[in-house]
Amino acid sequence: MTDTTTTADSEASPATGSPVVDGVLDLRPPAESVKRELCHIGLEWSSTDADGTEAWRDYQRGLLATFPQSGGEATLTDIKTNISQTLTLAQLKQVTRVDTMTAAD
């Protein structure tokens, strides 16, 4: 993987300043980011509010995650029960499964 730098909005850009390195355009979120961890647990981007708060969802499991533009933590919510938990990036990295009223193993 190529070296990347992280900008204030938590998006990655190649250290060379070019979006293409060795013919590869890497559109993945930075390794140390809330976005990367939400992808790992199966959520997909859904929307961004006017204030920059992002919403990511998994409709099959009834799971919603929201996080501010700073991206330091995310709130995961079971949309059927409205039970939520706010996790830091370090805590998110520990998550391997999220059980909801819609889907649990």
PDB file of N, CA and C in Angstrom:
ATOM      1  N   MET A   1       0.853  -1.180   0.000  1.00  0.00           N
ATOM      2  CA  MET A   1       0.000   0.000   0.000  1.00  0.00           C
ATOM      3  C   MET A   1       0.890   1.232   0.000  1.00  0.00           C
ATOM      4  N   THR A   2       0.426   2.280  -0.614  1.00  0.00           N
ATOM      5  CA  THR A   2       1.210   3.496  -0.713  1.00  0.00           C
ATOM      6  C   THR A   2       1.073   4.338   0.539  1.00  0.00           C
ATOM      7  N   ASP A   3       2.057   5.214   0.755  1.00  0.00           N
ATOM      8  CA  ASP A   3       1.967   6.147   1.874  1.00  0.00           C
ATOM      9  C   ASP A   3       0.844   7.123   1.609  1.00  0.00           C
ATOM     10  N   THR A   4       0.081   7.436   2.656  1.00  0.00           N
ATOM     11  CA  THR A   4      -0.981   8.428   2.525  1.00  0.00           C
ATOM     12  C   THR A   4      -0.870   9.419   3.656  1.00  0.00           C
ATOM     13  N   THR A   5      -1.428  10.579   3.430  1.00  0.00           N
ATOM     14  CA  THR A   5      -1.532  11.571   4.483  1.00  0.00           C
ATOM     15  C   THR A   5      -3.002  11.777   4.750  1.00  0.00           C
ATOM     16  N   THR A   6      -3.353  12.163   5.956  1.00  0.00           N
ATOM     17  CA  THR A   6      -4.750  12.361   6.304  1.00  0.00           C
ATOM     18  C   THR A   6      -5.028  13.846   6.410  1.00  0.00           C
ATOM     19  N   THR A   7      -6.088  14.283   5.731  1.00  0.00           N
ATOM     20  CA  THR A   7      -6.480  15.681   5.778  1.00  0.00           C
ATOM     21  C   THR A   7      -7.447  15.888   6.929  1.00  0.00           C
ATOM     22  N   ALA A   8      -7.801  17.138   7.173  1.00  0.00           N
ATOM     23  CA  ALA A   8      -8.677  17.467   8.303  1.00  0.00           C
ATOM     24  C   ALA A   8     -10.030  16.777   8.216  1.00  0.00           C
ATOM     25  N   ASP A   9     -10.513  16.515   7.004  1.00  0.00           N
ATOM     26  CA  ASP A   9     -11.828  15.894   6.888  1.00  0.00           C
ATOM     27  C   ASP A   9     -11.753  14.374   6.855  1.00  0.00           C
ATOM     28  N   SER A  10     -10.625  13.820   7.284  1.00  0.00           N
ATOM     29  CA  SER A  10     -10.432  12.378   7.431  1.00  0.00           C
ATOM     30  C   SER A  10     -10.389  11.628   6.111  1.00  0.00           C
ATOM     31  N   GLU A  11     -10.189  12.314   5.012  1.00  0.00           N
ATOM     32  CA  GLU A  11     -10.050  11.652   3.721  1.00  0.00           C
ATOM     33  C   GLU A  11      -8.576  11.436   3.442  1.00  0.00           C
ATOM     34  N   ALA A  12      -8.247  10.366   2.733  1.00  0.00           N
ATOM     35  CA  ALA A  12      -6.862  10.064   2.413  1.00  0.00           C
ATOM     36  C   ALA A  12      -6.471  10.711   1.103  1.00  0.00           C
ATOM     37  N   SER A  13      -5.223  11.119   1.017  1.00  0.00           N
ATOM     38  CA  SER A  13      -4.653  11.566  -0.245  1.00  0.00           C
ATOM     39  C   SER A  13      -3.226  11.052  -0.294  1.00  0.00           C
ATOM     40  N   PRO A  14      -2.783  10.581  -1.455  1.00  0.00           N
ATOM     41  CA  PRO A  14      -1.429  10.057  -1.549  1.00  0.00           C
ATOM     42  C   PRO A  14      -0.397  11.105  -1.153  1.00  0.00           C
ATOM     43  N   ALA A  15       0.680  10.668  -0.532  1.00  0.00           N
ATOM     44  CA  ALA A  15       1.735  11.569  -0.091  1.00  0.00           C
ATOM     45  C   ALA A  15       2.358  12.299  -1.272  1.00  0.00           C
ATOM     46  N   THR A  16       2.281  11.717  -2.466  1.00  0.00           N
ATOM     47  CA  THR A  16       2.855  12.345  -3.659  1.00  0.00           C
ATOM     48  C   THR A  16       2.019  13.501  -4.157  1.00  0.00           C
ATOM     49  N   GLY A  17       0.785  13.627  -3.687  1.00  0.00           N
ATOM     50  CA  GLY A  17      -0.109  14.679  -4.146  1.00  0.00           C
ATOM     51  C   GLY A  17      -0.945  14.244  -5.344  1.00  0.00           C
ATOM     52  N   SER A  18      -0.606  13.125  -5.956  1.00  0.00           N
ATOM     53  CA  SER A  18      -1.363  12.608  -7.090  1.00  0.00           C
ATOM     54  C   SER A  18      -2.372  11.583  -6.595  1.00  0.00           C
ATOM     55  N   PRO A  19      -3.592  11.588  -7.151  1.00  0.00           N
ATOM     56  CA  PRO A  19      -4.583  10.593  -6.713  1.00  0.00           C
ATOM     57  C   PRO A  19      -4.294   9.191  -7.264  1.00  0.00           C
ATOM     58  N   VAL A  20      -3.386   9.085  -8.241  1.00  0.00           N
ATOM     59  CA  VAL A  20      -3.048   7.798  -8.831  1.00  0.00           C
ATOM     60  C   VAL A  20      -1.569   7.503  -8.576  1.00  0.00           C
ATOM     61  N   VAL A  21      -1.302   6.362  -7.934  1.00  0.00           N
ATOM     62  CA  VAL A  21       0.067   5.954  -7.639  1.00  0.00           C
ATOM     63  C   VAL A  21       0.294   4.585  -8.277  1.00  0.00           C
ATOM     64  N   ASP A  22       1.290   4.500  -9.116  1.00  0.00           N
ATOM     65  CA  ASP A  22       1.599   3.250  -9.816  1.00  0.00           C
ATOM     66  C   ASP A  22       0.373   2.686 -10.523  1.00  0.00           C
ATOM     67  N   GLY A  23      -0.451   3.561 -11.092  1.00  0.00           N
ATOM     68  CA  GLY A  23      -1.628   3.142 -11.833  1.00  0.00           C
ATOM     69  C   GLY A  23      -2.837   2.803 -10.986  1.00  0.00           C
ATOM     70  N   VAL A  24      -2.734   2.967  -9.671  1.00  0.00           N
ATOM     71  CA  VAL A  24      -3.824   2.576  -8.776  1.00  0.00           C
ATOM     72  C   VAL A  24      -4.471   3.810  -8.156  1.00  0.00           C
ATOM     73  N   LEU A  25      -5.788   3.892  -8.284  1.00  0.00           N
ATOM     74  CA  LEU A  25      -6.576   4.916  -7.593  1.00  0.00           C
ATOM     75  C   LEU A  25      -7.191   4.240  -6.380  1.00  0.00           C
ATOM     76  N   ASP A  26      -6.744   4.615  -5.201  1.00  0.00           N
ATOM     77  CA  ASP A  26      -7.200   3.990  -3.954  1.00  0.00           C
ATOM     78  C   ASP A  26      -8.296   4.846  -3.332  1.00  0.00           C
ATOM     79  N   LEU A  27      -9.526   4.341  -3.342  1.00  0.00           N
ATOM     80  CA  LEU A  27     -10.662   5.073  -2.804  1.00  0.00           C
ATOM     81  C   LEU A  27     -11.071   4.602  -1.413  1.00  0.00           C
ATOM     82  N   ARG A  28     -10.237   3.781  -0.795  1.00  0.00           N
ATOM     83  CA  ARG A  28     -10.550   3.311   0.556  1.00  0.00           C
ATOM     84  C   ARG A  28     -10.300   4.409   1.584  1.00  0.00           C
ATOM     85  N   PRO A  29     -11.074   4.399   2.684  1.00  0.00           N
ATOM     86  CA  PRO A  29     -10.825   5.375   3.748  1.00  0.00           C
ATOM     87  C   PRO A  29      -9.500   5.072   4.439  1.00  0.00           C
ATOM     88  N   PRO A  30      -8.927   6.049   5.124  1.00  0.00           N
ATOM     89  CA  PRO A  30      -7.669   5.826   5.836  1.00  0.00           C
ATOM     90  C   PRO A  30      -7.774   4.665   6.823  1.00  0.00           C
ATOM     91  N   ALA A  31      -6.661   3.982   7.031  1.00  0.00           N
ATOM     92  CA  ALA A  31      -6.634   2.820   7.927  1.00  0.00           C
ATOM     93  C   ALA A  31      -7.075   3.180   9.339  1.00  0.00           C
ATOM     94  N   GLU A  32      -6.707   4.313   9.831  1.00  0.00           N
ATOM     95  CA  GLU A  32      -7.058   4.743  11.193  1.00  0.00           C
ATOM     96  C   GLU A  32      -8.232   5.709  11.137  1.00  0.00           C
ATOM     97  N   SER A  33      -9.407   5.198  10.724  1.00  0.00           N
ATOM     98  CA  SER A  33     -10.567   6.082  10.617  1.00  0.00           C
ATOM     99  C   SER A  33     -11.854   5.355  10.985  1.00  0.00           C
ATOM    100  N   VAL A  34     -12.826   6.138  11.433  1.00  0.00           N
ATOM    101  CA  VAL A  34     -14.150   5.610  11.745  1.00  0.00           C
ATOM    102  C   VAL A  34     -14.758   5.005  10.481  1.00  0.00           C
ATOM    103  N   LYS A  35     -14.584   5.664   9.347  1.00  0.00           N
ATOM    104  CA  LYS A  35     -15.140   5.150   8.094  1.00  0.00           C
ATOM    105  C   LYS A  35     -14.630   3.745   7.790  1.00  0.00           C
ATOM    106  N   ARG A  36     -13.348   3.510   7.957  1.00  0.00           N
ATOM    107  CA  ARG A  36     -12.771   2.192   7.680  1.00  0.00           C
ATOM    108  C   ARG A  36     -13.388   1.141   8.595  1.00  0.00           C
ATOM    109  N   GLU A  37     -13.546   1.482   9.877  1.00  0.00           N
ATOM    110  CA  GLU A  37     -14.103   0.516  10.832  1.00  0.00           C
ATOM    111  C   GLU A  37     -15.582   0.229  10.549  1.00  0.00           C
ATOM    112  N   LEU A  38     -16.325   1.247  10.134  1.00  0.00           N
ATOM    113  CA  LEU A  38     -17.735   1.017   9.795  1.00  0.00           C
ATOM    114  C   LEU A  38     -17.845   0.105   8.578  1.00  0.00           C
ATOM    115  N   CYS A  39     -16.952   0.261   7.620  1.00  0.00           N
ATOM    116  CA  CYS A  39     -16.925  -0.649   6.464  1.00  0.00           C
ATOM    117  C   CYS A  39     -16.634  -2.075   6.921  1.00  0.00           C
ATOM    118  N   HIS A  40     -15.699  -2.234   7.852  1.00  0.00           N
ATOM    119  CA  HIS A  40     -15.342  -3.568   8.345  1.00  0.00           C
ATOM    120  C   HIS A  40     -16.510  -4.291   9.009  1.00  0.00           C
ATOM    121  N   ILE A  41     -17.412  -3.544   9.641  1.00  0.00           N
ATOM    122  CA  ILE A  41     -18.552  -4.218  10.288  1.00  0.00           C
ATOM    123  C   ILE A  41     -19.790  -4.233   9.391  1.00  0.00           C
ATOM    124  N   GLY A  42     -19.606  -3.873   8.123  1.00  0.00           N
ATOM    125  CA  GLY A  42     -20.653  -4.067   7.127  1.00  0.00           C
ATOM    126  C   GLY A  42     -21.590  -2.914   6.859  1.00  0.00           C
ATOM    127  N   LEU A  43     -21.275  -1.715   7.322  1.00  0.00           N
ATOM    128  CA  LEU A  43     -22.151  -0.581   7.066  1.00  0.00           C
ATOM    129  C   LEU A  43     -21.737   0.126   5.777  1.00  0.00           C
ATOM    130  N   GLU A  44     -22.692   0.840   5.196  1.00  0.00           N
ATOM    131  CA  GLU A  44     -22.465   1.610   3.977  1.00  0.00           C
ATOM    132  C   GLU A  44     -22.891   3.051   4.202  1.00  0.00           C
ATOM    133  N   TRP A  45     -22.189   3.978   3.538  1.00  0.00           N
ATOM    134  CA  TRP A  45     -22.545   5.385   3.626  1.00  0.00           C
ATOM    135  C   TRP A  45     -23.978   5.563   3.159  1.00  0.00           C
ATOM    136  N   SER A  46     -24.731   6.405   3.857  1.00  0.00           N
ATOM    137  CA  SER A  46     -26.117   6.670   3.509  1.00  0.00           C
ATOM    138  C   SER A  46     -26.345   8.141   3.172  1.00  0.00           C
ATOM    139  N   SER A  47     -25.858   9.040   4.040  1.00  0.00           N
ATOM    140  CA  SER A  47     -26.082  10.467   3.809  1.00  0.00           C
ATOM    141  C   SER A  47     -25.145  11.299   4.667  1.00  0.00           C
ATOM    142  N   THR A  48     -25.070  12.577   4.317  1.00  0.00           N
ATOM    143  CA  THR A  48     -24.313  13.547   5.110  1.00  0.00           C
ATOM    144  C   THR A  48     -25.204  14.759   5.334  1.00  0.00           C
ATOM    145  N   ASP A  49     -25.403  15.143   6.600  1.00  0.00           N
ATOM    146  CA  ASP A  49     -26.215  16.306   6.942  1.00  0.00           C
ATOM    147  C   ASP A  49     -25.481  17.600   6.597  1.00  0.00           C
ATOM    148  N   ALA A  50     -26.209  18.706   6.632  1.00  0.00           N
ATOM    149  CA  ALA A  50     -25.636  20.019   6.338  1.00  0.00           C
ATOM    150  C   ALA A  50     -24.481  20.365   7.283  1.00  0.00           C
ATOM    151  N   ASP A  51     -24.534  19.856   8.522  1.00  0.00           N
ATOM    152  CA  ASP A  51     -23.465  20.150   9.484  1.00  0.00           C
ATOM    153  C   ASP A  51     -22.269  19.203   9.344  1.00  0.00           C
ATOM    154  N   GLY A  52     -22.331  18.277   8.376  1.00  0.00           N
ATOM    155  CA  GLY A  52     -21.222  17.364   8.141  1.00  0.00           C
ATOM    156  C   GLY A  52     -21.345  16.019   8.838  1.00  0.00           C
ATOM    157  N   THR A  53     -22.405  15.823   9.622  1.00  0.00           N
ATOM    158  CA  THR A  53     -22.609  14.535  10.289  1.00  0.00           C
ATOM    159  C   THR A  53     -22.962  13.483   9.249  1.00  0.00           C
ATOM    160  N   GLU A  54     -22.198  12.388   9.244  1.00  0.00           N
ATOM    161  CA  GLU A  54     -22.438  11.306   8.295  1.00  0.00           C
ATOM    162  C   GLU A  54     -23.311  10.235   8.930  1.00  0.00           C
ATOM    163  N   ALA A  55     -24.157   9.618   8.098  1.00  0.00           N
ATOM    164  CA  ALA A  55     -24.970   8.485   8.516  1.00  0.00           C
ATOM    165  C   ALA A  55     -24.589   7.290   7.649  1.00  0.00           C
ATOM    166  N   TRP A  56     -24.326   6.173   8.293  1.00  0.00           N
ATOM    167  CA  TRP A  56     -24.004   4.922   7.624  1.00  0.00           C
ATOM    168  C   TRP A  56     -25.010   3.889   8.099  1.00  0.00           C
ATOM    169  N   ARG A  57     -25.436   2.983   7.209  1.00  0.00           N
ATOM    170  CA  ARG A  57     -26.521   2.066   7.556  1.00  0.00           C
ATOM    171  C   ARG A  57     -26.262   0.643   7.068  1.00  0.00           C
ATOM    172  N   ASP A  58     -26.933  -0.265   7.750  1.00  0.00           N
ATOM    173  CA  ASP A  58     -27.102  -1.641   7.288  1.00  0.00           C
ATOM    174  C   ASP A  58     -28.585  -1.919   7.477  1.00  0.00           C
ATOM    175  N   TYR A  59     -29.338  -1.825   6.383  1.00  0.00           N
ATOM    176  CA  TYR A  59     -30.789  -1.966   6.456  1.00  0.00           C
ATOM    177  C   TYR A  59     -31.215  -3.368   6.868  1.00  0.00           C
ATOM    178  N   GLN A  60     -30.473  -4.393   6.456  1.00  0.00           N
ATOM    179  CA  GLN A  60     -30.841  -5.767   6.813  1.00  0.00           C
ATOM    180  C   GLN A  60     -30.771  -6.010   8.317  1.00  0.00           C
ATOM    181  N   ARG A  61     -29.783  -5.424   8.968  1.00  0.00           N
ATOM    182  CA  ARG A  61     -29.646  -5.602  10.423  1.00  0.00           C
ATOM    183  C   ARG A  61     -30.354  -4.516  11.207  1.00  0.00           C
ATOM    184  N   GLY A  62     -30.886  -3.492  10.533  1.00  0.00           N
ATOM    185  CA  GLY A  62     -31.547  -2.400  11.243  1.00  0.00           C
ATOM    186  C   GLY A  62     -30.559  -1.588  12.064  1.00  0.00           C
ATOM    187  N   LEU A  63     -29.399  -1.300  11.467  1.00  0.00           N
ATOM    188  CA  LEU A  63     -28.310  -0.638  12.189  1.00  0.00           C
ATOM    189  C   LEU A  63     -27.973   0.696  11.534  1.00  0.00           C
ATOM    190  N   LEU A  64     -27.869   1.726  12.352  1.00  0.00           N
ATOM    191  CA  LEU A  64     -27.504   3.069  11.919  1.00  0.00           C
ATOM    192  C   LEU A  64     -26.288   3.519  12.705  1.00  0.00           C
ATOM    193  N   ALA A  65     -25.314   4.109  12.009  1.00  0.00           N
ATOM    194  CA  ALA A  65     -24.160   4.714  12.681  1.00  0.00           C
ATOM    195  C   ALA A  65     -24.066   6.159  12.222  1.00  0.00           C
ATOM    196  N   THR A  66     -23.859   7.061  13.166  1.00  0.00           N
ATOM    197  CA  THR A  66     -23.662   8.471  12.840  1.00  0.00           C
ATOM    198  C   THR A  66     -22.388   8.951  13.494  1.00  0.00           C
ATOM    199  N   PHE A  67     -21.717   9.877  12.808  1.00  0.00           N
ATOM    200  CA  PHE A  67     -20.520  10.459  13.402  1.00  0.00           C
ATOM    201  C   PHE A  67     -20.280  11.846  12.831  1.00  0.00           C
ATOM    202  N   PRO A  68     -19.701  12.730  13.646  1.00  0.00           N
ATOM    203  CA  PRO A  68     -19.444  14.099  13.217  1.00  0.00           C
ATOM    204  C   PRO A  68     -18.267  14.152  12.241  1.00  0.00           C
ATOM    205  N   GLN A  69     -18.118  15.291  11.611  1.00  0.00           N
ATOM    206  CA  GLN A  69     -17.056  15.490  10.634  1.00  0.00           C
ATOM    207  C   GLN A  69     -15.671  15.205  11.225  1.00  0.00           C
ATOM    208  N   SER A  70     -15.487  15.457  12.500  1.00  0.00           N
ATOM    209  CA  SER A  70     -14.189  15.200  13.131  1.00  0.00           C
ATOM    210  C   SER A  70     -13.836  13.718  13.118  1.00  0.00           C
ATOM    211  N   GLY A  71     -14.859  12.846  13.124  1.00  0.00           N
ATOM    212  CA  GLY A  71     -14.651  11.416  12.966  1.00  0.00           C
ATOM    213  C   GLY A  71     -13.964  10.699  14.099  1.00  0.00           C
ATOM    214  N   GLY A  72     -13.951  11.234  15.305  1.00  0.00           N
ATOM    215  CA  GLY A  72     -13.272  10.603  16.425  1.00  0.00           C
ATOM    216  C   GLY A  72     -14.059   9.509  17.117  1.00  0.00           C
ATOM    217  N   GLU A  73     -15.375   9.516  16.937  1.00  0.00           N
ATOM    218  CA  GLU A  73     -16.235   8.512  17.545  1.00  0.00           C
ATOM    219  C   GLU A  73     -17.506   8.381  16.707  1.00  0.00           C
ATOM    220  N   ALA A  74     -18.225   7.284  16.914  1.00  0.00           N
ATOM    221  CA  ALA A  74     -19.468   7.054  16.184  1.00  0.00           C
ATOM    222  C   ALA A  74     -20.525   6.527  17.141  1.00  0.00           C
ATOM    223  N   THR A  75     -21.771   6.878  16.870  1.00  0.00           N
ATOM    224  CA  THR A  75     -22.891   6.361  17.644  1.00  0.00           C
ATOM    225  C   THR A  75     -23.612   5.332  16.793  1.00  0.00           C
ATOM    226  N   LEU A  76     -23.681   4.094  17.291  1.00  0.00           N
ATOM    227  CA  LEU A  76     -24.373   3.011  16.610  1.00  0.00           C
ATOM    228  C   LEU A  76     -25.724   2.816  17.275  1.00  0.00           C
ATOM    229  N   THR A  77     -26.774   2.717  16.452  1.00  0.00           N
ATOM    230  CA  THR A  77     -28.139   2.649  16.962  1.00  0.00           C
ATOM    231  C   THR A  77     -28.904   1.504  16.304  1.00  0.00           C
ATOM    232  N   ASP A  78     -29.600   0.724  17.132  1.00  0.00           N
ATOM    233  CA  ASP A  78     -30.550  -0.278  16.644  1.00  0.00           C
ATOM    234  C   ASP A  78     -31.803   0.515  16.295  1.00  0.00           C
ATOM    235  N   ILE A  79     -32.163   0.573  15.008  1.00  0.00           N
ATOM    236  CA  ILE A  79     -33.266   1.446  14.604  1.00  0.00           C
ATOM    237  C   ILE A  79     -34.635   0.913  15.013  1.00  0.00           C
ATOM    238  N   LYS A  80     -34.713  -0.346  15.387  1.00  0.00           N
ATOM    239  CA  LYS A  80     -35.986  -0.895  15.854  1.00  0.00           C
ATOM    240  C   LYS A  80     -36.251  -0.497  17.308  1.00  0.00           C
ATOM    241  N   THR A  81     -35.221  -0.468  18.144  1.00  0.00           N
ATOM    242  CA  THR A  81     -35.387  -0.180  19.571  1.00  0.00           C
ATOM    243  C   THR A  81     -34.923   1.216  19.967  1.00  0.00           C
ATOM    244  N   ASN A  82     -34.170   1.870  19.094  1.00  0.00           N
ATOM    245  CA  ASN A  82     -33.544   3.168  19.359  1.00  0.00           C
ATOM    246  C   ASN A  82     -32.531   3.092  20.505  1.00  0.00           C
ATOM    247  N   ILE A  83     -32.002   1.908  20.763  1.00  0.00           N
ATOM    248  CA  ILE A  83     -30.918   1.748  21.737  1.00  0.00           C
ATOM    249  C   ILE A  83     -29.613   2.040  21.012  1.00  0.00           C
ATOM    250  N   SER A  84     -28.787   2.886  21.625  1.00  0.00           N
ATOM    251  CA  SER A  84     -27.552   3.271  20.954  1.00  0.00           C
ATOM    252  C   SER A  84     -26.369   3.232  21.906  1.00  0.00           C
ATOM    253  N   GLN A  85     -25.209   3.231  21.309  1.00  0.00           N
ATOM    254  CA  GLN A  85     -23.951   3.253  22.061  1.00  0.00           C
ATOM    255  C   GLN A  85     -22.952   4.078  21.258  1.00  0.00           C
ATOM    256  N   THR A  86     -22.272   5.007  21.919  1.00  0.00           N
ATOM    257  CA  THR A  86     -21.237   5.805  21.274  1.00  0.00           C
ATOM    258  C   THR A  86     -19.887   5.175  21.566  1.00  0.00           C
ATOM    259  N   LEU A  87     -19.124   4.930  20.509  1.00  0.00           N
ATOM    260  CA  LEU A  87     -17.823   4.281  20.620  1.00  0.00           C
ATOM    261  C   LEU A  87     -16.725   5.152  20.041  1.00  0.00           C
ATOM    262  N   THR A  88     -15.576   5.135  20.681  1.00  0.00           N
ATOM    263  CA  THR A  88     -14.400   5.801  20.138  1.00  0.00           C
ATOM    264  C   THR A  88     -13.838   4.946  19.004  1.00  0.00           C
ATOM    265  N   LEU A  89     -12.903   5.485  18.254  1.00  0.00           N
ATOM    266  CA  LEU A  89     -12.259   4.724  17.188  1.00  0.00           C
ATOM    267  C   LEU A  89     -11.592   3.472  17.756  1.00  0.00           C
ATOM    268  N   ALA A  90     -10.919   3.598  18.879  1.00  0.00           N
ATOM    269  CA  ALA A  90     -10.266   2.434  19.503  1.00  0.00           C
ATOM    270  C   ALA A  90     -11.285   1.354  19.866  1.00  0.00           C
ATOM    271  N   GLN A  91     -12.445   1.754  20.377  1.00  0.00           N
ATOM    272  CA  GLN A  91     -13.486   0.782  20.716  1.00  0.00           C
ATOM    273  C   GLN A  91     -14.086   0.156  19.458  1.00  0.00           C
ATOM    274  N   LEU A  92     -14.287   0.964  18.411  1.00  0.00           N
ATOM    275  CA  LEU A  92     -14.828   0.445  17.156  1.00  0.00           C
ATOM    276  C   LEU A  92     -13.926  -0.638  16.564  1.00  0.00           C
ATOM    277  N   LYS A  93     -12.632  -0.470  16.714  1.00  0.00           N
ATOM    278  CA  LYS A  93     -11.679  -1.443  16.172  1.00  0.00           C
ATOM    279  C   LYS A  93     -11.824  -2.810  16.839  1.00  0.00           C
ATOM    280  N   GLN A  94     -12.413  -2.856  18.019  1.00  0.00           N
ATOM    281  CA  GLN A  94     -12.604  -4.112  18.741  1.00  0.00           C
ATOM    282  C   GLN A  94     -13.883  -4.846  18.327  1.00  0.00           C
ATOM    283  N   VAL A  95     -14.791  -4.165  17.642  1.00  0.00           N
ATOM    284  CA  VAL A  95     -16.079  -4.746  17.280  1.00  0.00           C
ATOM    285  C   VAL A  95     -15.917  -5.743  16.138  1.00  0.00           C
ATOM    286  N   THR A  96     -16.418  -6.947  16.353  1.00  0.00           N
ATOM    287  CA  THR A  96     -16.427  -7.954  15.299  1.00  0.00           C
ATOM    288  C   THR A  96     -17.837  -8.299  14.852  1.00  0.00           C
ATOM    289  N   ARG A  97     -18.830  -7.944  15.670  1.00  0.00           N
ATOM    290  CA  ARG A  97     -20.225  -8.230  15.347  1.00  0.00           C
ATOM    291  C   ARG A  97     -21.111  -7.258  16.117  1.00  0.00           C
ATOM    292  N   VAL A  98     -22.221  -6.861  15.501  1.00  0.00           N
ATOM    293  CA  VAL A  98     -23.216  -6.021  16.170  1.00  0.00           C
ATOM    294  C   VAL A  98     -24.548  -6.757  16.114  1.00  0.00           C
ATOM    295  N   ASP A  99     -25.098  -7.089  17.268  1.00  0.00           N
ATOM    296  CA  ASP A  99     -26.404  -7.728  17.340  1.00  0.00           C
ATOM    297  C   ASP A  99     -27.475  -6.671  17.527  1.00  0.00           C
ATOM    298  N   THR A 100     -28.561  -6.805  16.775  1.00  0.00           N
ATOM    299  CA  THR A 100     -29.708  -5.902  16.881  1.00  0.00           C
ATOM    300  C   THR A 100     -30.969  -6.758  17.038  1.00  0.00           C
ATOM    301  N   MET A 101     -32.102  -6.137  17.289  1.00  0.00           N
ATOM    302  CA  MET A 101     -33.355  -6.881  17.385  1.00  0.00           C
ATOM    303  C   MET A 101     -33.725  -7.496  16.046  1.00  0.00           C
ATOM    304  N   THR A 102     -33.220  -6.935  14.961  1.00  0.00           N
ATOM    305  CA  THR A 102     -33.507  -7.440  13.617  1.00  0.00           C
ATOM    306  C   THR A 102     -32.603  -8.606  13.263  1.00  0.00           C
ATOM    307  N   ALA A 103     -31.354  -8.560  13.731  1.00  0.00           N
ATOM    308  CA  ALA A 103     -30.391  -9.611  13.382  1.00  0.00           C
ATOM    309  C   ALA A 103     -29.430  -9.854  14.524  1.00  0.00           C
ATOM    310  N   ALA A 104     -29.399 -11.109  14.973  1.00  0.00           N
ATOM    311  CA  ALA A 104     -28.459 -11.528  16.009  1.00  0.00           C
ATOM    312  C   ALA A 104     -28.101 -12.973  15.751  1.00  0.00           C
ATOM    313  N   ASP A 105     -26.858 -13.316  16.035  1.00  0.00           N
ATOM    314  CA  ASP A 105     -26.411 -14.710  15.874  1.00  0.00           C
ATOM    315  C   ASP A 105     -26.700 -15.513  17.104  1.00  0.00           C
TER     316      ASP A 105
END
